[in-house]
């Protein structure tokens, strides 16, 4: 809690989730960032690296979506393999968007 609150948000640039859009909605990873900062805020950097690692990894996954991209790559590879083997025929509306 700040000692003097003037209603200004001079430090809002420090948090990616602190910014909101024109409708007042917060960033999609705001809750993950908030969980990490609540965990790491009072214990210091050295302990936070060890003790807040799950929260930090969740925050990074929300930002970069590594796991989601990897799952999508695997699904596409499996789909392409099934198409080559002749075991799967994509629907008509999707045929023009598939790579040849």
PDB file of N, CA and C in Angstrom:
ATOM      1  N   UNK A   1       0.851  -1.173   0.000  1.00  0.00           N
ATOM      2  CA  UNK A   1       0.000   0.000   0.000  1.00  0.00           C
ATOM      3  C   UNK A   1       0.894   1.232   0.000  1.00  0.00           C
ATOM      4  N   UNK A   2       0.688   2.131  -0.947  1.00  0.00           N
ATOM      5  CA  UNK A   2       1.534   3.317  -0.991  1.00  0.00           C
ATOM      6  C   UNK A   2       1.243   4.264   0.172  1.00  0.00           C
ATOM      7  N   UNK A   3       2.253   4.990   0.570  1.00  0.00           N
ATOM      8  CA  UNK A   3       2.093   5.961   1.651  1.00  0.00           C
ATOM      9  C   UNK A   3       1.217   7.123   1.187  1.00  0.00           C
ATOM     10  N   UNK A   4       1.436   7.563  -0.038  1.00  0.00           N
ATOM     11  CA  UNK A   4       0.689   8.690  -0.585  1.00  0.00           C
ATOM     12  C   UNK A   4       0.101   8.270  -1.926  1.00  0.00           C
ATOM     13  N   UNK A   5      -1.198   8.184  -2.011  1.00  0.00           N
ATOM     14  CA  UNK A   5      -1.857   7.778  -3.242  1.00  0.00           C
ATOM     15  C   UNK A   5      -2.511   8.995  -3.874  1.00  0.00           C
ATOM     16  N   UNK A   6      -1.934   9.458  -4.984  1.00  0.00           N
ATOM     17  CA  UNK A   6      -2.470  10.628  -5.673  1.00  0.00           C
ATOM     18  C   UNK A   6      -3.366  10.253  -6.845  1.00  0.00           C
ATOM     19  N   UNK A   7      -3.553   8.969  -7.059  1.00  0.00           N
ATOM     20  CA  UNK A   7      -4.400   8.541  -8.159  1.00  0.00           C
ATOM     21  C   UNK A   7      -3.677   8.407  -9.484  1.00  0.00           C
ATOM     22  N   UNK A   8      -2.373   8.614  -9.484  1.00  0.00           N
ATOM     23  CA  UNK A   8      -1.591   8.474 -10.711  1.00  0.00           C
ATOM     24  C   UNK A   8      -0.997   7.076 -10.785  1.00  0.00           C
ATOM     25  N   UNK A   9      -0.849   6.583 -11.997  1.00  0.00           N
ATOM     26  CA  UNK A   9      -0.255   5.262 -12.189  1.00  0.00           C
ATOM     27  C   UNK A   9       1.070   5.427 -12.934  1.00  0.00           C
ATOM     28  N   UNK A  10       2.054   5.983 -12.278  1.00  0.00           N
ATOM     29  CA  UNK A  10       3.331   6.216 -12.920  1.00  0.00           C
ATOM     30  C   UNK A  10       4.115   4.934 -13.135  1.00  0.00           C
ATOM     31  N   UNK A  11       3.830   3.910 -12.355  1.00  0.00           N
ATOM     32  CA  UNK A  11       4.582   2.669 -12.487  1.00  0.00           C
ATOM     33  C   UNK A  11       3.809   1.597 -13.255  1.00  0.00           C
ATOM     34  N   UNK A  12       2.742   1.963 -13.956  1.00  0.00           N
ATOM     35  CA  UNK A  12       1.942   0.952 -14.647  1.00  0.00           C
ATOM     36  C   UNK A  12       2.706   0.280 -15.781  1.00  0.00           C
ATOM     37  N   UNK A  13       3.740   0.914 -16.312  1.00  0.00           N
ATOM     38  CA  UNK A  13       4.520   0.329 -17.398  1.00  0.00           C
ATOM     39  C   UNK A  13       5.330  -0.874 -16.921  1.00  0.00           C
ATOM     40  N   UNK A  14       5.500  -1.031 -15.603  1.00  0.00           N
ATOM     41  CA  UNK A  14       6.297  -2.141 -15.081  1.00  0.00           C
ATOM     42  C   UNK A  14       5.563  -3.470 -15.189  1.00  0.00           C
ATOM     43  N   UNK A  15       4.258  -3.450 -15.237  1.00  0.00           N
ATOM     44  CA  UNK A  15       3.462  -4.664 -15.314  1.00  0.00           C
ATOM     45  C   UNK A  15       2.799  -4.751 -16.675  1.00  0.00           C
ATOM     46  N   UNK A  16       2.914  -5.917 -17.322  1.00  0.00           N
ATOM     47  CA  UNK A  16       2.248  -6.060 -18.615  1.00  0.00           C
ATOM     48  C   UNK A  16       0.749  -6.129 -18.433  1.00  0.00           C
ATOM     49  N   UNK A  17       0.288  -6.662 -17.316  1.00  0.00           N
ATOM     50  CA  UNK A  17      -1.139  -6.798 -17.085  1.00  0.00           C
ATOM     51  C   UNK A  17      -1.794  -5.566 -16.513  1.00  0.00           C
ATOM     52  N   UNK A  18      -1.002  -4.581 -16.150  1.00  0.00           N
ATOM     53  CA  UNK A  18      -1.580  -3.390 -15.546  1.00  0.00           C
ATOM     54  C   UNK A  18      -2.296  -2.536 -16.573  1.00  0.00           C
ATOM     55  N   UNK A  19      -1.901  -2.665 -17.820  1.00  0.00           N
ATOM     56  CA  UNK A  19      -2.570  -1.876 -18.842  1.00  0.00           C
ATOM     57  C   UNK A  19      -3.894  -2.527 -19.208  1.00  0.00           C
ATOM     58  N   UNK A  20      -4.842  -1.715 -19.547  1.00  0.00           N
ATOM     59  CA  UNK A  20      -6.142  -2.237 -19.953  1.00  0.00           C
ATOM     60  C   UNK A  20      -6.527  -1.596 -21.277  1.00  0.00           C
ATOM     61  N   UNK A  21      -7.424  -2.260 -21.983  1.00  0.00           N
ATOM     62  CA  UNK A  21      -7.846  -1.735 -23.272  1.00  0.00           C
ATOM     63  C   UNK A  21      -8.937  -0.684 -23.091  1.00  0.00           C
ATOM     64  N   UNK A  22      -9.504  -0.240 -24.216  1.00  0.00           N
ATOM     65  CA  UNK A  22     -10.496   0.834 -24.148  1.00  0.00           C
ATOM     66  C   UNK A  22     -11.779   0.415 -23.439  1.00  0.00           C
ATOM     67  N   UNK A  23     -12.031  -0.893 -23.336  1.00  0.00           N
ATOM     68  CA  UNK A  23     -13.227  -1.373 -22.641  1.00  0.00           C
ATOM     69  C   UNK A  23     -12.974  -1.656 -21.165  1.00  0.00           C
ATOM     70  N   UNK A  24     -11.765  -1.440 -20.710  1.00  0.00           N
ATOM     71  CA  UNK A  24     -11.445  -1.679 -19.311  1.00  0.00           C
ATOM     72  C   UNK A  24     -11.058  -3.116 -19.006  1.00  0.00           C
ATOM     73  N   UNK A  25     -10.876  -3.940 -20.040  1.00  0.00           N
ATOM     74  CA  UNK A  25     -10.483  -5.333 -19.837  1.00  0.00           C
ATOM     75  C   UNK A  25      -8.978  -5.411 -19.593  1.00  0.00           C
ATOM     76  N   UNK A  26      -8.572  -6.304 -18.709  1.00  0.00           N
ATOM     77  CA  UNK A  26      -7.150  -6.458 -18.421  1.00  0.00           C
ATOM     78  C   UNK A  26      -6.508  -7.396 -19.430  1.00  0.00           C
ATOM     79  N   UNK A  27      -5.203  -7.432 -19.400  1.00  0.00           N
ATOM     80  CA  UNK A  27      -4.406  -8.290 -20.265  1.00  0.00           C
ATOM     81  C   UNK A  27      -4.756  -9.749 -20.002  1.00  0.00           C
ATOM     82  N   UNK A  28      -4.640 -10.620 -21.003  1.00  0.00           N
ATOM     83  CA  UNK A  28      -5.066 -12.013 -20.835  1.00  0.00           C
ATOM     84  C   UNK A  28      -4.220 -12.766 -19.818  1.00  0.00           C
ATOM     85  N   UNK A  29      -3.004 -12.331 -19.576  1.00  0.00           N
ATOM     86  CA  UNK A  29      -2.124 -13.009 -18.622  1.00  0.00           C
ATOM     87  C   UNK A  29      -2.046 -12.271 -17.285  1.00  0.00           C
ATOM     88  N   UNK A  30      -2.936 -11.341 -17.066  1.00  0.00           N
ATOM     89  CA  UNK A  30      -2.891 -10.517 -15.862  1.00  0.00           C
ATOM     90  C   UNK A  30      -2.936 -11.357 -14.593  1.00  0.00           C
ATOM     91  N   UNK A  31      -3.806 -12.366 -14.559  1.00  0.00           N
ATOM     92  CA  UNK A  31      -3.968 -13.156 -13.335  1.00  0.00           C
ATOM     93  C   UNK A  31      -2.727 -13.992 -13.042  1.00  0.00           C
ATOM     94  N   UNK A  32      -2.083 -14.526 -14.088  1.00  0.00           N
ATOM     95  CA  UNK A  32      -0.853 -15.282 -13.880  1.00  0.00           C
ATOM     96  C   UNK A  32       0.268 -14.375 -13.394  1.00  0.00           C
ATOM     97  N   UNK A  33       0.348 -13.178 -13.974  1.00  0.00           N
ATOM     98  CA  UNK A  33       1.359 -12.220 -13.539  1.00  0.00           C
ATOM     99  C   UNK A  33       1.110 -11.798 -12.093  1.00  0.00           C
ATOM    100  N   UNK A  34      -0.144 -11.589 -11.755  1.00  0.00           N
ATOM    101  CA  UNK A  34      -0.489 -11.174 -10.396  1.00  0.00           C
ATOM    102  C   UNK A  34      -0.128 -12.261  -9.388  1.00  0.00           C
ATOM    103  N   UNK A  35      -0.417 -13.532  -9.721  1.00  0.00           N
ATOM    104  CA  UNK A  35      -0.054 -14.637  -8.827  1.00  0.00           C
ATOM    105  C   UNK A  35       1.450 -14.685  -8.602  1.00  0.00           C
ATOM    106  N   UNK A  36       2.220 -14.526  -9.681  1.00  0.00           N
ATOM    107  CA  UNK A  36       3.675 -14.559  -9.545  1.00  0.00           C
ATOM    108  C   UNK A  36       4.166 -13.396  -8.691  1.00  0.00           C
ATOM    109  N   UNK A  37       3.654 -12.205  -8.933  1.00  0.00           N
ATOM    110  CA  UNK A  37       4.112 -11.044  -8.170  1.00  0.00           C
ATOM    111  C   UNK A  37       3.693 -11.115  -6.710  1.00  0.00           C
ATOM    112  N   UNK A  38       2.531 -11.696  -6.435  1.00  0.00           N
ATOM    113  CA  UNK A  38       2.129 -11.877  -5.037  1.00  0.00           C
ATOM    114  C   UNK A  38       3.063 -12.848  -4.334  1.00  0.00           C
ATOM    115  N   UNK A  39       3.488 -13.885  -5.046  1.00  0.00           N
ATOM    116  CA  UNK A  39       4.402 -14.863  -4.459  1.00  0.00           C
ATOM    117  C   UNK A  39       5.796 -14.265  -4.272  1.00  0.00           C
ATOM    118  N   UNK A  40       6.295 -13.594  -5.308  1.00  0.00           N
ATOM    119  CA  UNK A  40       7.682 -13.131  -5.301  1.00  0.00           C
ATOM    120  C   UNK A  40       7.859 -11.755  -4.679  1.00  0.00           C
ATOM    121  N   UNK A  41       6.803 -11.035  -4.474  1.00  0.00           N
ATOM    122  CA  UNK A  41       6.913  -9.649  -4.045  1.00  0.00           C
ATOM    123  C   UNK A  41       7.542  -9.433  -2.697  1.00  0.00           C
ATOM    124  N   UNK A  42       7.377 -10.358  -1.781  1.00  0.00           N
ATOM    125  CA  UNK A  42       7.848 -10.123  -0.421  1.00  0.00           C
ATOM    126  C   UNK A  42       9.046 -10.969  -0.024  1.00  0.00           C
ATOM    127  N   UNK A  43       9.459 -11.907  -0.865  1.00  0.00           N
ATOM    128  CA  UNK A  43      10.527 -12.817  -0.435  1.00  0.00           C
ATOM    129  C   UNK A  43      11.867 -12.534  -1.083  1.00  0.00           C
ATOM    130  N   UNK A  44      11.927 -11.685  -2.080  1.00  0.00           N
ATOM    131  CA  UNK A  44      13.189 -11.355  -2.708  1.00  0.00           C
ATOM    132  C   UNK A  44      13.493 -12.246  -3.899  1.00  0.00           C
ATOM    133  N   UNK A  45      14.444 -11.799  -4.710  1.00  0.00           N
ATOM    134  CA  UNK A  45      14.746 -12.461  -5.978  1.00  0.00           C
ATOM    135  C   UNK A  45      15.300 -13.865  -5.793  1.00  0.00           C
ATOM    136  N   UNK A  46      16.228 -14.046  -4.869  1.00  0.00           N
ATOM    137  CA  UNK A  46      16.886 -15.343  -4.699  1.00  0.00           C
ATOM    138  C   UNK A  46      15.896 -16.422  -4.300  1.00  0.00           C
ATOM    139  N   UNK A  47      15.063 -16.157  -3.322  1.00  0.00           N
ATOM    140  CA  UNK A  47      14.059 -17.146  -2.904  1.00  0.00           C
ATOM    141  C   UNK A  47      12.944 -17.280  -3.928  1.00  0.00           C
ATOM    142  N   UNK A  48      12.612 -16.197  -4.609  1.00  0.00           N
ATOM    143  CA  UNK A  48      11.525 -16.238  -5.590  1.00  0.00           C
ATOM    144  C   UNK A  48      11.862 -17.155  -6.754  1.00  0.00           C
ATOM    145  N   UNK A  49      13.129 -17.214  -7.132  1.00  0.00           N
ATOM    146  CA  UNK A  49      13.529 -18.090  -8.234  1.00  0.00           C
ATOM    147  C   UNK A  49      13.212 -19.539  -7.894  1.00  0.00           C
ATOM    148  N   UNK A  50      13.419 -19.920  -6.637  1.00  0.00           N
ATOM    149  CA  UNK A  50      13.147 -21.303  -6.225  1.00  0.00           C
ATOM    150  C   UNK A  50      11.683 -21.525  -5.866  1.00  0.00           C
ATOM    151  N   UNK A  51      11.132 -20.663  -5.070  1.00  0.00           N
ATOM    152  CA  UNK A  51       9.824 -20.907  -4.476  1.00  0.00           C
ATOM    153  C   UNK A  51       8.644 -20.522  -5.365  1.00  0.00           C
ATOM    154  N   UNK A  52       8.847 -19.635  -6.307  1.00  0.00           N
ATOM    155  CA  UNK A  52       7.740 -19.175  -7.153  1.00  0.00           C
ATOM    156  C   UNK A  52       7.882 -19.657  -8.593  1.00  0.00           C
ATOM    157  N   UNK A  53       8.659 -20.708  -8.785  1.00  0.00           N
ATOM    158  CA  UNK A  53       8.898 -21.195 -10.137  1.00  0.00           C
ATOM    159  C   UNK A  53       7.617 -21.654 -10.840  1.00  0.00           C
ATOM    160  N   UNK A  54       6.694 -22.390 -10.182  1.00  0.00           N
ATOM    161  CA  UNK A  54       5.457 -22.789 -10.889  1.00  0.00           C
ATOM    162  C   UNK A  54       4.631 -21.593 -11.375  1.00  0.00           C
ATOM    163  N   UNK A  55       4.530 -20.560 -10.562  1.00  0.00           N
ATOM    164  CA  UNK A  55       3.779 -19.374 -10.959  1.00  0.00           C
ATOM    165  C   UNK A  55       4.458 -18.665 -12.123  1.00  0.00           C
ATOM    166  N   UNK A  56       5.797 -18.605 -12.075  1.00  0.00           N
ATOM    167  CA  UNK A  56       6.539 -17.953 -13.149  1.00  0.00           C
ATOM    168  C   UNK A  56       6.403 -18.728 -14.455  1.00  0.00           C
ATOM    169  N   UNK A  57       6.470 -20.059 -14.387  1.00  0.00           N
ATOM    170  CA  UNK A  57       6.329 -20.874 -15.595  1.00  0.00           C
ATOM    171  C   UNK A  57       4.924 -20.761 -16.180  1.00  0.00           C
ATOM    172  N   UNK A  58       3.906 -20.682 -15.326  1.00  0.00           N
ATOM    173  CA  UNK A  58       2.541 -20.466 -15.815  1.00  0.00           C
ATOM    174  C   UNK A  58       2.424 -19.119 -16.527  1.00  0.00           C
ATOM    175  N   UNK A  59       3.049 -18.107 -15.965  1.00  0.00           N
ATOM    176  CA  UNK A  59       3.024 -16.779 -16.576  1.00  0.00           C
ATOM    177  C   UNK A  59       3.715 -16.795 -17.936  1.00  0.00           C
ATOM    178  N   UNK A  60       4.886 -17.440 -18.023  1.00  0.00           N
ATOM    179  CA  UNK A  60       5.591 -17.523 -19.304  1.00  0.00           C
ATOM    180  C   UNK A  60       4.787 -18.304 -20.338  1.00  0.00           C
ATOM    181  N   UNK A  61       4.146 -19.388 -19.916  1.00  0.00           N
ATOM    182  CA  UNK A  61       3.323 -20.175 -20.839  1.00  0.00           C
ATOM    183  C   UNK A  61       2.157 -19.339 -21.360  1.00  0.00           C
ATOM    184  N   UNK A  62       1.563 -18.542 -20.513  1.00  0.00           N
ATOM    185  CA  UNK A  62       0.455 -17.689 -20.943  1.00  0.00           C
ATOM    186  C   UNK A  62       0.928 -16.665 -21.975  1.00  0.00           C
ATOM    187  N   UNK A  63       2.110 -16.120 -21.785  1.00  0.00           N
ATOM    188  CA  UNK A  63       2.621 -15.110 -22.711  1.00  0.00           C
ATOM    189  C   UNK A  63       3.040 -15.731 -24.041  1.00  0.00           C
ATOM    190  N   UNK A  64       3.851 -16.785 -23.988  1.00  0.00           N
ATOM    191  CA  UNK A  64       4.463 -17.334 -25.202  1.00  0.00           C
ATOM    192  C   UNK A  64       3.717 -18.515 -25.808  1.00  0.00           C
ATOM    193  N   UNK A  65       2.902 -19.212 -25.043  1.00  0.00           N
ATOM    194  CA  UNK A  65       2.094 -20.348 -25.494  1.00  0.00           C
ATOM    195  C   UNK A  65       2.936 -21.453 -26.144  1.00  0.00           C
ATOM    196  N   UNK A  66       4.085 -21.789 -25.540  1.00  0.00           N
ATOM    197  CA  UNK A  66       4.961 -22.822 -26.093  1.00  0.00           C
ATOM    198  C   UNK A  66       4.260 -24.173 -26.171  1.00  0.00           C
ATOM    199  N   UNK A  67       3.606 -24.560 -25.104  1.00  0.00           N
ATOM    200  CA  UNK A  67       2.956 -25.875 -25.061  1.00  0.00           C
ATOM    201  C   UNK A  67       1.808 -25.948 -26.058  1.00  0.00           C
ATOM    202  N   UNK A  68       1.044 -24.887 -26.167  1.00  0.00           N
ATOM    203  CA  UNK A  68      -0.079 -24.871 -27.104  1.00  0.00           C
ATOM    204  C   UNK A  68       0.421 -24.959 -28.547  1.00  0.00           C
ATOM    205  N   UNK A  69       1.497 -24.248 -28.865  1.00  0.00           N
ATOM    206  CA  UNK A  69       2.056 -24.305 -30.217  1.00  0.00           C
ATOM    207  C   UNK A  69       2.606 -25.689 -30.527  1.00  0.00           C
ATOM    208  N   UNK A  70       3.225 -26.325 -29.547  1.00  0.00           N
ATOM    209  CA  UNK A  70       3.750 -27.674 -29.743  1.00  0.00           C
ATOM    210  C   UNK A  70       2.613 -28.668 -29.970  1.00  0.00           C
ATOM    211  N   UNK A  71       1.528 -28.570 -29.202  1.00  0.00           N
ATOM    212  CA  UNK A  71       0.365 -29.452 -29.414  1.00  0.00           C
ATOM    213  C   UNK A  71      -0.231 -29.252 -30.799  1.00  0.00           C
ATOM    214  N   UNK A  72      -0.335 -28.012 -31.247  1.00  0.00           N
ATOM    215  CA  UNK A  72      -0.881 -27.723 -32.567  1.00  0.00           C
ATOM    216  C   UNK A  72       0.006 -28.305 -33.664  1.00  0.00           C
ATOM    217  N   UNK A  73       1.324 -28.209 -33.495  1.00  0.00           N
ATOM    218  CA  UNK A  73       2.254 -28.779 -34.472  1.00  0.00           C
ATOM    219  C   UNK A  73       2.082 -30.290 -34.563  1.00  0.00           C
ATOM    220  N   UNK A  74       1.949 -30.961 -33.421  1.00  0.00           N
ATOM    221  CA  UNK A  74       1.770 -32.415 -33.401  1.00  0.00           C
ATOM    222  C   UNK A  74       0.453 -32.805 -34.065  1.00  0.00           C
ATOM    223  N   UNK A  75      -0.614 -32.072 -33.785  1.00  0.00           N
ATOM    224  CA  UNK A  75      -1.916 -32.366 -34.390  1.00  0.00           C
ATOM    225  C   UNK A  75      -1.857 -32.199 -35.902  1.00  0.00           C
ATOM    226  N   UNK A  76      -1.216 -31.142 -36.372  1.00  0.00           N
ATOM    227  CA  UNK A  76      -1.110 -30.927 -37.820  1.00  0.00           C
ATOM    228  C   UNK A  76      -0.270 -32.011 -38.488  1.00  0.00           C
ATOM    229  N   UNK A  77       0.826 -32.409 -37.846  1.00  0.00           N
ATOM    230  CA  UNK A  77       1.643 -33.486 -38.409  1.00  0.00           C
ATOM    231  C   UNK A  77       0.849 -34.783 -38.499  1.00  0.00           C
ATOM    232  N   UNK A  78       0.082 -35.095 -37.460  1.00  0.00           N
ATOM    233  CA  UNK A  78      -0.739 -36.312 -37.463  1.00  0.00           C
ATOM    234  C   UNK A  78      -1.807 -36.242 -38.552  1.00  0.00           C
ATOM    235  N   UNK A  79      -2.434 -35.077 -38.704  1.00  0.00           N
ATOM    236  CA  UNK A  79      -3.439 -34.901 -39.753  1.00  0.00           C
ATOM    237  C   UNK A  79      -2.829 -35.090 -41.138  1.00  0.00           C
ATOM    238  N   UNK A  80      -1.658 -34.469 -41.380  1.00  0.00           N
ATOM    239  CA  UNK A  80      -1.001 -34.613 -42.677  1.00  0.00           C
ATOM    240  C   UNK A  80      -0.610 -36.056 -42.949  1.00  0.00           C
ATOM    241  N   UNK A  81      -0.167 -36.764 -41.924  1.00  0.00           N
ATOM    242  CA  UNK A  81       0.198 -38.171 -42.080  1.00  0.00           C
ATOM    243  C   UNK A  81      -1.029 -39.007 -42.452  1.00  0.00           C
ATOM    244  N   UNK A  82      -2.157 -38.764 -41.788  1.00  0.00           N
ATOM    245  CA  UNK A  82      -3.381 -39.501 -42.100  1.00  0.00           C
ATOM    246  C   UNK A  82      -3.886 -39.189 -43.506  1.00  0.00           C
ATOM    247  N   UNK A  83      -3.734 -37.952 -43.955  1.00  0.00           N
ATOM    248  CA  UNK A  83      -4.146 -37.593 -45.314  1.00  0.00           C
ATOM    249  C   UNK A  83      -3.286 -38.327 -46.332  1.00  0.00           C
ATOM    250  N   UNK A  84      -1.957 -38.384 -46.099  1.00  0.00           N
ATOM    251  CA  UNK A  84      -1.060 -39.083 -47.026  1.00  0.00           C
ATOM    252  C   UNK A  84      -1.360 -40.571 -47.079  1.00  0.00           C
ATOM    253  N   UNK A  85      -1.735 -41.159 -45.943  1.00  0.00           N
ATOM    254  CA  UNK A  85      -2.053 -42.584 -45.903  1.00  0.00           C
ATOM    255  C   UNK A  85      -3.437 -42.872 -46.470  1.00  0.00           C
ATOM    256  N   UNK A  86      -4.243 -41.851 -46.675  1.00  0.00           N
ATOM    257  CA  UNK A  86      -5.588 -42.033 -47.207  1.00  0.00           C
ATOM    258  C   UNK A  86      -6.614 -42.423 -46.165  1.00  0.00           C
ATOM    259  N   UNK A  87      -6.295 -42.269 -44.894  1.00  0.00           N
ATOM    260  CA  UNK A  87      -7.210 -42.648 -43.819  1.00  0.00           C
ATOM    261  C   UNK A  87      -8.108 -41.496 -43.377  1.00  0.00           C
ATOM    262  N   UNK A  88      -7.816 -40.292 -43.868  1.00  0.00           N
ATOM    263  CA  UNK A  88      -8.610 -39.132 -43.467  1.00  0.00           C
ATOM    264  C   UNK A  88      -8.797 -38.229 -44.673  1.00  0.00           C
ATOM    265  N   UNK A  89     -10.013 -37.789 -44.875  1.00  0.00           N
ATOM    266  CA  UNK A  89     -10.321 -36.822 -45.924  1.00  0.00           C
ATOM    267  C   UNK A  89     -10.873 -35.573 -45.252  1.00  0.00           C
ATOM    268  N   UNK A  90     -10.209 -34.444 -45.431  1.00  0.00           N
ATOM    269  CA  UNK A  90     -10.705 -33.222 -44.794  1.00  0.00           C
ATOM    270  C   UNK A  90     -12.022 -32.778 -45.428  1.00  0.00           C
ATOM    271  N   UNK A  91     -12.841 -32.038 -44.691  1.00  0.00           N
ATOM    272  CA  UNK A  91     -14.097 -31.551 -45.253  1.00  0.00           C
ATOM    273  C   UNK A  91     -13.857 -30.588 -46.416  1.00  0.00           C
ATOM    274  N   UNK A  92     -14.875 -30.398 -47.234  1.00  0.00           N
ATOM    275  CA  UNK A  92     -14.766 -29.561 -48.436  1.00  0.00           C
ATOM    276  C   UNK A  92     -14.282 -28.145 -48.120  1.00  0.00           C
ATOM    277  N   UNK A  93     -14.838 -27.543 -47.075  1.00  0.00           N
ATOM    278  CA  UNK A  93     -14.500 -26.153 -46.779  1.00  0.00           C
ATOM    279  C   UNK A  93     -13.054 -25.981 -46.332  1.00  0.00           C
ATOM    280  N   UNK A  94     -12.391 -27.046 -45.916  1.00  0.00           N
ATOM    281  CA  UNK A  94     -11.019 -26.939 -45.421  1.00  0.00           C
ATOM    282  C   UNK A  94      -9.988 -27.351 -46.460  1.00  0.00           C
ATOM    283  N   UNK A  95     -10.397 -27.900 -47.565  1.00  0.00           N
ATOM    284  CA  UNK A  95      -9.431 -28.425 -48.538  1.00  0.00           C
ATOM    285  C   UNK A  95      -8.590 -27.348 -49.189  1.00  0.00           C
ATOM    286  N   UNK A  96      -9.156 -26.187 -49.466  1.00  0.00           N
ATOM    287  CA  UNK A  96      -8.356 -25.159 -50.132  1.00  0.00           C
ATOM    288  C   UNK A  96      -7.365 -24.496 -49.182  1.00  0.00           C
ATOM    289  N   UNK A  97      -7.529 -24.651 -47.875  1.00  0.00           N
ATOM    290  CA  UNK A  97      -6.601 -24.031 -46.929  1.00  0.00           C
ATOM    291  C   UNK A  97      -5.458 -24.960 -46.531  1.00  0.00           C
ATOM    292  N   UNK A  98      -5.545 -26.245 -46.859  1.00  0.00           N
ATOM    293  CA  UNK A  98      -4.492 -27.189 -46.492  1.00  0.00           C
ATOM    294  C   UNK A  98      -3.286 -27.033 -47.406  1.00  0.00           C
ATOM    295  N   UNK A  99      -2.075 -27.212 -46.873  1.00  0.00           N
ATOM    296  CA  UNK A  99      -0.886 -27.159 -47.730  1.00  0.00           C
ATOM    297  C   UNK A  99      -0.860 -28.361 -48.670  1.00  0.00           C
ATOM    298  N   UNK A 100      -0.400 -28.148 -49.866  1.00  0.00           N
ATOM    299  CA  UNK A 100      -0.355 -29.234 -50.867  1.00  0.00           C
ATOM    300  C   UNK A 100       0.959 -29.964 -50.847  1.00  0.00           C
TER     301      UNK A 100
END
